[in-house]
Amino acid sequence: MKILHIDCSPREDSHSRKLSAAIVARLLSVDSAVSVVRRDLGRHPIPHTEAGYATVLSSPGALASAQADAATHLSEQLIGEIEAADILVVGTPMNNFTVPSVLKAWIDQILRMGRTIGVAPTGEKIGLLQDKPVYIGIASGGVFTGARAKQPDFLTPYLTAAFGCVGLNSLQFFALQATAFLDNDQLTAERDALIATMDTAGIGAVRLERRDGQPG
């Protein structure tokens, strides 16, 4: 079984990195026969979409042109990493109510009409990727969810829509909030409490698919 582990913070010792690492550790405790592939967007950001990529996606004719393969090379690589994984783990800070730009750049490369997104006969967009568990750890200096929320949240609805658009609907969010106000002991306790709520039942289904030789 394979985990694609994505981090988005530029800080080596960030709260979101610690949270995503704890999620991966919990998954490894459930099934040790797991390999982990890293995509560190925080330390090694991918470029934002360039003119060639935007041009290729602008029409079916451009997408079928000779320049398409070169322009979509990075997109294909990133989509391939998702397709090869059985589980996704994403660690991200909340930046100004939503995702950091490095994560948005990654999303802009994996949401592609005709590749990860199709169109139903009725006109609605449908995801073309196989669903799989996606665990998303969020670190926020403030409080954005729950009874004590003091700021808006555009991150979780955006990621729900973006992942759902390509067919990834089995999302679990873990929000480590008020990091600017808690000491290390409190943060550790909060992180441990979040990890204790993880639903790992989906891993059993992935194991079954692998055992039966189906894609997972």
Protein backbone atom coordinates (compact mmCIF):
# COMPACT_ATOMS: atom_id res chain seq x y z
CA MET A 1 0.00 0.00 0.00
CA LYS A 2 1.26 3.48 -0.84
CA ILE A 3 0.75 6.86 0.87
CA LEU A 4 1.26 10.14 -0.98
CA HIS A 5 2.31 12.57 1.77
CA ILE A 6 2.07 16.25 0.85
CA ASP A 7 3.26 19.14 3.03
CA CYS A 8 2.70 22.82 2.28
CA SER A 9 4.39 24.84 5.01
CA PRO A 10 7.77 26.45 4.26
CA ARG A 11 8.74 26.01 7.92
CA GLU A 12 10.66 22.86 8.84
CA ASP A 13 9.16 22.72 12.33
CA SER A 14 5.63 23.86 11.47
CA HIS A 15 2.49 22.67 13.23
CA SER A 16 0.96 21.39 9.99
CA ARG A 17 4.05 19.28 9.29
CA LYS A 18 3.92 17.76 12.76
CA LEU A 19 0.22 17.06 12.31
CA SER A 20 0.60 15.40 8.91
CA ALA A 21 3.54 13.35 10.23
CA ALA A 22 1.35 12.18 13.13
CA ILE A 23 -1.38 11.17 10.64
CA VAL A 24 1.12 9.15 8.62
CA ALA A 25 2.46 7.53 11.80
CA ARG A 26 -1.07 6.51 12.78
CA LEU A 27 -1.64 4.96 9.35
CA LEU A 28 1.67 3.08 9.61
CA SER A 29 0.59 1.72 12.99
CA VAL A 30 -2.48 0.23 11.32
CA ASP A 31 -0.59 -1.28 8.41
CA SER A 32 3.21 -1.35 8.49
CA ALA A 33 3.42 -2.69 4.92
CA VAL A 34 3.11 0.81 3.53
CA SER A 35 5.48 2.90 1.44
CA VAL A 36 5.41 6.68 1.65
CA VAL A 37 6.02 9.01 -1.31
CA ARG A 38 6.74 12.63 -0.40
CA ARG A 39 5.69 15.75 -2.27
CA ASP A 40 6.99 18.72 -0.27
CA LEU A 41 5.33 21.79 -1.75
CA GLY A 42 6.52 24.02 1.07
CA ARG A 43 10.24 23.41 0.56
CA HIS A 44 10.06 22.56 -3.12
CA PRO A 45 7.14 24.52 -4.58
CA ILE A 46 5.96 23.73 -8.06
CA PRO A 47 5.59 26.60 -10.55
CA HIS A 48 2.28 28.27 -11.04
CA THR A 49 0.58 27.46 -14.33
CA GLU A 50 2.41 28.99 -17.27
CA ALA A 51 1.24 30.30 -20.63
CA GLY A 52 1.85 27.05 -22.47
CA TYR A 53 -0.23 25.02 -20.02
CA ALA A 54 -3.06 27.57 -20.04
CA THR A 55 -3.03 27.67 -23.85
CA VAL A 56 -3.16 23.89 -24.16
CA LEU A 57 -6.17 23.73 -21.84
CA SER A 58 -7.98 26.53 -23.65
CA SER A 59 -9.60 24.33 -26.31
CA PRO A 60 -9.89 20.70 -27.42
CA GLY A 61 -7.86 21.53 -30.51
CA ALA A 62 -4.98 22.95 -28.48
CA LEU A 63 -5.07 19.93 -26.16
CA ALA A 64 -4.61 17.66 -29.17
CA SER A 65 -1.71 19.70 -30.55
CA ALA A 66 1.93 18.64 -30.71
CA GLN A 67 2.81 21.01 -27.85
CA ALA A 68 0.34 19.41 -25.42
CA ASP A 69 2.64 16.70 -24.05
CA ALA A 70 5.38 19.13 -23.08
CA ALA A 71 2.95 21.65 -21.60
CA THR A 72 1.15 19.05 -19.47
CA HIS A 73 4.24 17.10 -18.37
CA LEU A 74 4.18 18.38 -14.78
CA SER A 75 0.42 17.96 -14.57
CA GLU A 76 0.75 14.33 -15.71
CA GLN A 77 3.47 13.69 -13.15
CA LEU A 78 1.39 15.06 -10.29
CA ILE A 79 -1.79 13.26 -11.38
CA GLY A 80 0.23 10.05 -11.74
CA GLU A 81 1.39 10.36 -8.11
CA ILE A 82 -2.24 10.51 -6.99
CA GLU A 83 -3.25 7.58 -9.18
CA ALA A 84 -0.37 5.45 -7.85
CA ALA A 85 -1.28 6.17 -4.22
CA ASP A 86 -3.82 4.31 -2.10
CA ILE A 87 -4.06 7.08 0.51
CA LEU A 88 -3.37 10.81 0.45
CA VAL A 89 -2.15 12.76 3.49
CA VAL A 90 -2.02 16.54 3.21
CA GLY A 91 -0.57 18.88 5.81
CA THR A 92 -1.31 22.56 5.28
CA PRO A 93 -1.46 25.81 7.20
CA MET A 94 -4.47 28.06 6.82
CA ASN A 95 -3.19 31.23 5.14
CA ASN A 96 -5.56 34.19 5.20
CA PHE A 97 -8.69 32.03 5.55
CA THR A 98 -7.77 29.54 2.80
CA VAL A 99 -5.04 27.35 1.27
CA PRO A 100 -1.47 28.58 0.73
CA SER A 101 -0.53 29.44 -2.84
CA VAL A 102 1.76 26.40 -3.16
CA LEU A 103 -1.21 24.09 -2.59
CA LYS A 104 -3.35 26.09 -5.02
CA ALA A 105 -0.61 25.72 -7.65
CA TRP A 106 -0.69 21.93 -7.14
CA ILE A 107 -4.49 21.87 -7.40
CA ASP A 108 -4.37 23.92 -10.61
CA GLN A 109 -2.19 21.18 -12.14
CA ILE A 110 -4.33 18.20 -11.08
CA LEU A 111 -7.78 19.61 -12.01
CA ARG A 112 -7.84 19.00 -15.74
CA MET A 113 -10.85 18.64 -17.98
CA GLY A 114 -10.76 15.38 -19.91
CA ARG A 115 -8.07 13.93 -17.64
CA THR A 116 -9.29 14.11 -14.04
CA ILE A 117 -12.63 15.82 -14.72
CA GLY A 118 -15.33 14.64 -17.11
CA VAL A 119 -18.79 15.87 -18.00
CA ALA A 120 -22.00 13.95 -17.34
CA PRO A 121 -24.67 13.76 -20.07
CA THR A 122 -26.63 16.30 -18.05
CA GLY A 123 -23.72 18.75 -18.11
CA GLU A 124 -22.39 18.41 -14.55
CA LYS A 125 -18.69 17.89 -13.93
CA ILE A 126 -17.78 14.40 -12.71
CA GLY A 127 -14.52 13.15 -11.23
CA LEU A 128 -12.50 10.63 -13.24
CA LEU A 129 -10.11 9.50 -10.49
CA GLN A 130 -10.84 6.52 -8.28
CA ASP A 131 -11.89 7.57 -4.79
CA LYS A 132 -9.48 6.86 -1.93
CA PRO A 133 -9.01 8.04 1.68
CA VAL A 134 -7.69 11.60 1.95
CA TYR A 135 -6.54 12.82 5.38
CA ILE A 136 -6.05 16.59 5.62
CA GLY A 137 -4.30 18.15 8.61
CA ILE A 138 -4.80 21.90 8.99
CA ALA A 139 -2.89 24.19 11.34
CA SER A 140 -4.34 27.61 12.08
CA GLY A 141 -3.11 30.37 14.34
CA GLY A 142 -6.73 31.37 15.00
CA VAL A 143 -9.99 29.51 15.47
CA PHE A 144 -12.08 28.95 12.34
CA THR A 145 -14.48 26.17 13.27
CA GLY A 146 -16.62 25.25 16.24
CA ALA A 147 -18.42 27.35 18.80
CA ARG A 148 -15.38 29.62 19.39
CA ALA A 149 -14.74 30.41 15.71
CA LYS A 150 -13.56 33.98 15.19
CA GLN A 151 -12.69 33.93 11.48
CA PRO A 152 -14.16 32.56 8.25
CA ASP A 153 -13.17 29.24 6.71
CA PHE A 154 -12.77 29.08 2.94
CA LEU A 155 -10.21 26.27 3.14
CA THR A 156 -12.28 23.19 3.98
CA PRO A 157 -15.18 23.92 1.58
CA TYR A 158 -12.69 24.74 -1.19
CA LEU A 159 -10.70 21.52 -0.73
CA THR A 160 -13.93 19.52 -0.48
CA ALA A 161 -15.08 20.95 -3.82
CA ALA A 162 -11.67 20.67 -5.51
CA PHE A 163 -10.99 17.08 -4.47
CA GLY A 164 -14.60 16.09 -5.11
CA CYS A 165 -14.39 17.53 -8.62
CA VAL A 166 -11.79 14.88 -9.55
CA GLY A 167 -13.56 12.03 -7.73
CA LEU A 168 -11.88 12.14 -4.30
CA ASN A 169 -14.76 12.32 -1.85
CA SER A 170 -13.53 10.33 1.17
CA LEU A 171 -12.00 13.30 2.99
CA GLN A 172 -11.25 13.64 6.69
CA PHE A 173 -10.21 17.03 8.09
CA PHE A 174 -8.20 17.50 11.30
CA ALA A 175 -7.98 21.10 12.45
CA LEU A 176 -5.28 22.10 14.92
CA GLN A 177 -6.49 25.55 15.89
CA ALA A 178 -5.26 28.49 18.00
CA THR A 179 -1.62 27.51 17.50
CA ALA A 180 -0.63 31.13 18.13
CA PHE A 181 -2.02 30.95 21.65
CA LEU A 182 -1.22 27.42 22.91
CA ASP A 183 2.05 26.23 24.47
CA ASN A 184 3.87 23.09 23.34
CA ASP A 185 2.21 20.80 25.86
CA GLN A 186 -1.25 22.04 24.89
CA LEU A 187 -0.47 21.66 21.19
CA THR A 188 0.79 18.12 21.70
CA ALA A 189 -2.36 17.23 23.61
CA GLU A 190 -4.58 18.79 20.94
CA ARG A 191 -2.69 16.97 18.19
CA ASP A 192 -2.96 13.64 20.00
CA ALA A 193 -6.68 14.19 20.49
CA LEU A 194 -7.15 14.81 16.77
CA ILE A 195 -5.22 11.68 15.82
CA ALA A 196 -7.40 9.66 18.18
CA THR A 197 -10.44 10.61 16.10
CA MET A 198 -9.01 9.25 12.83
CA ASP A 199 -11.22 6.78 11.02
CA THR A 200 -8.93 4.17 9.46
CA ALA A 201 -11.70 1.80 8.36
CA GLY A 202 -11.06 2.72 4.74
CA ILE A 203 -7.64 1.11 4.94
CA GLY A 204 -9.30 -2.29 5.27
CA ALA A 205 -11.11 -1.72 1.98
CA VAL A 206 -7.82 -0.73 0.32
CA ARG A 207 -6.19 -3.92 1.61
CA LEU A 208 -9.07 -5.97 0.21
CA GLU A 209 -8.77 -4.30 -3.21
CA ARG A 210 -5.03 -4.95 -3.27
CA ARG A 211 -5.51 -8.57 -2.25
CA ASP A 212 -8.03 -9.09 -5.04
CA GLY A 213 -5.75 -7.48 -7.58
CA GLN A 214 -7.99 -4.48 -8.19
CA PRO A 215 -6.65 -0.93 -8.51
CA GLY A 216 -6.46 0.83 -5.21
